[in-house]
C-alpha atoms as a PDB file:
ATOM      1  CA  MET A   1      27.944  16.015  15.364  1.00  0.00           C
ATOM      2  CA  GLY A   2      25.327  18.443  14.244  1.00  0.00           C
ATOM      3  CA  GLY A   3      21.754  17.342  12.967  1.00  0.00           C
ATOM      4  CA  ALA A   4      22.499  18.414   9.509  1.00  0.00           C
ATOM      5  CA  ASP A   5      25.603  16.255   9.448  1.00  0.00           C
ATOM      6  CA  ARG A   6      23.632  13.210  10.865  1.00  0.00           C
ATOM      7  CA  ILE A   7      20.862  13.450   8.469  1.00  0.00           C
ATOM      8  CA  ILE A   8      23.407  13.651   5.532  1.00  0.00           C
ATOM      9  CA  ARG A   9      25.179  10.787   6.726  1.00  0.00           C
ATOM     10  CA  LEU A  10      22.138   8.842   7.380  1.00  0.00           C
ATOM     11  CA  LEU A  11      20.974   9.489   3.578  1.00  0.00           C
ATOM     12  CA  LEU A  12      24.112   8.668   2.157  1.00  0.00           C
ATOM     13  CA  ALA A  13      24.304   5.617   4.235  1.00  0.00           C
ATOM     14  CA  ILE A  14      20.911   4.324   2.704  1.00  0.00           C
ATOM     15  CA  ILE A  15      21.968   5.381  -0.784  1.00  0.00           C
ATOM     16  CA  MET A  16      25.187   3.518  -0.607  1.00  0.00           C
ATOM     17  CA  ALA A  17      23.506   0.262   1.123  1.00  0.00           C
ATOM     18  CA  SER A  18      20.894   0.110  -1.776  1.00  0.00           C
ATOM     19  CA  LEU A  19      23.419   0.573  -4.378  1.00  0.00           C
ATOM     20  CA  ALA A  20      25.581  -2.143  -3.087  1.00  0.00           C
ATOM     21  CA  LEU A  21      22.636  -4.525  -2.281  1.00  0.00           C
ATOM     22  CA  THR A  22      20.768  -4.100  -5.368  1.00  0.00           C
ATOM     23  CA  GLY A  23      23.733  -5.068  -7.539  1.00  0.00           C
ATOM     24  CA  LEU A  24      24.373  -1.646  -9.073  1.00  0.00           C
ATOM     25  CA  VAL A  25      27.976  -1.769  -7.642  1.00  0.00           C
ATOM     26  CA  SER A  26      29.288  -5.046  -7.421  1.00  0.00           C
ATOM     27  CA  GLY A  27      32.444  -6.835  -6.616  1.00  0.00           C
ATOM     28  CA  SER A  28      35.049  -4.990  -4.467  1.00  0.00           C
ATOM     29  CA  ALA A  29      33.638  -1.497  -4.954  1.00  0.00           C
ATOM     30  CA  GLY A  30      30.150  -2.941  -3.890  1.00  0.00           C
ATOM     31  CA  VAL A  31      31.764  -4.376  -0.651  1.00  0.00           C
ATOM     32  CA  ILE A  32      33.644  -1.058  -0.035  1.00  0.00           C
ATOM     33  CA  LEU A  33      30.540   0.990  -0.576  1.00  0.00           C
ATOM     34  CA  LEU A  34      28.649  -1.179   1.871  1.00  0.00           C
ATOM     35  CA  ALA A  35      31.329  -0.762   4.518  1.00  0.00           C
ATOM     36  CA  ILE A  36      31.354   2.937   4.166  1.00  0.00           C
ATOM     37  CA  GLY A  37      27.635   2.839   4.365  1.00  0.00           C
ATOM     38  CA  ALA A  38      27.727   0.970   7.570  1.00  0.00           C
ATOM     39  CA  ILE A  39      30.070   3.298   9.149  1.00  0.00           C
ATOM     40  CA  PHE A  40      28.122   6.404   8.256  1.00  0.00           C
ATOM     41  CA  LEU A  41      24.870   4.521   9.300  1.00  0.00           C
ATOM     42  CA  LEU A  42      26.973   3.779  12.989  1.00  0.00           C
ATOM     43  CA  THR A  43      28.256   7.321  13.308  1.00  0.00           C
ATOM     44  CA  SER A  44      24.655   8.940  12.452  1.00  0.00           C
ATOM     45  CA  ILE A  45      23.253   6.818  15.295  1.00  0.00           C
ATOM     46  CA  VAL A  46      25.628   7.284  17.631  1.00  0.00           C
ATOM     47  CA  GLY A  47      26.305  11.155  16.948  1.00  0.00           C
ATOM     48  CA  MET A  48      29.834  11.162  17.125  1.00  0.00           C
ATOM     49  CA  CYS A  49      32.678  10.606  14.506  1.00  0.00           C
ATOM     50  CA  PRO A  50      36.069   9.443  15.772  1.00  0.00           C
ATOM     51  CA  LEU A  51      37.662  11.118  12.583  1.00  0.00           C
ATOM     52  CA  TYR A  52      36.170  14.416  13.837  1.00  0.00           C
ATOM     53  CA  SER A  53      37.690  14.161  17.295  1.00  0.00           C
ATOM     54  CA  LEU A  54      41.131  13.456  15.892  1.00  0.00           C
ATOM     55  CA  ILE A  55      41.113  16.372  13.418  1.00  0.00           C
ATOM     56  CA  GLY A  56      39.306  18.906  16.029  1.00  0.00           C
ATOM     57  CA  PHE A  57      36.485  19.303  13.445  1.00  0.00           C
ATOM     58  CA  ASN A  58      33.088  19.988  15.046  1.00  0.00           C
ATOM     59  CA  THR A  59      29.518  20.610  13.181  1.00  0.00           C
ATOM     60  CA  CYS A  60      27.394  20.732  16.132  1.00  0.00           C
ATOM     61  CA  ALA A  61      26.562  24.435  17.066  1.00  0.00           C
ATOM     62  CA  GLY A  62      25.929  23.969  20.661  1.00  0.00           C
ATOM     63  CA  ASN A  63      29.733  22.674  21.591  1.00  0.00           C
ATOM     64  CA  LYS A  64      31.601  25.353  19.782  1.00  0.00           C
ATOM     65  CA  PRO A  65      34.990  26.125  21.733  1.00  0.00           C
ATOM     66  CA  LEU A  66      35.577  29.559  23.349  1.00  0.00           C
END
């Protein structure tokens, strides 16, 4: 996962968590938003997205296949 992808995921995780935790999005939608935000946070910290691996998508410039 490239640096820009990690930063975007981190920012989206912060936005999603703040929307859910402040009550602007509540109920089931808030829980789903919080869960997606947690996944984005985890993948941005780890630097690897399992879904990218499954579909063969790569955003890291240094690891391009030949």
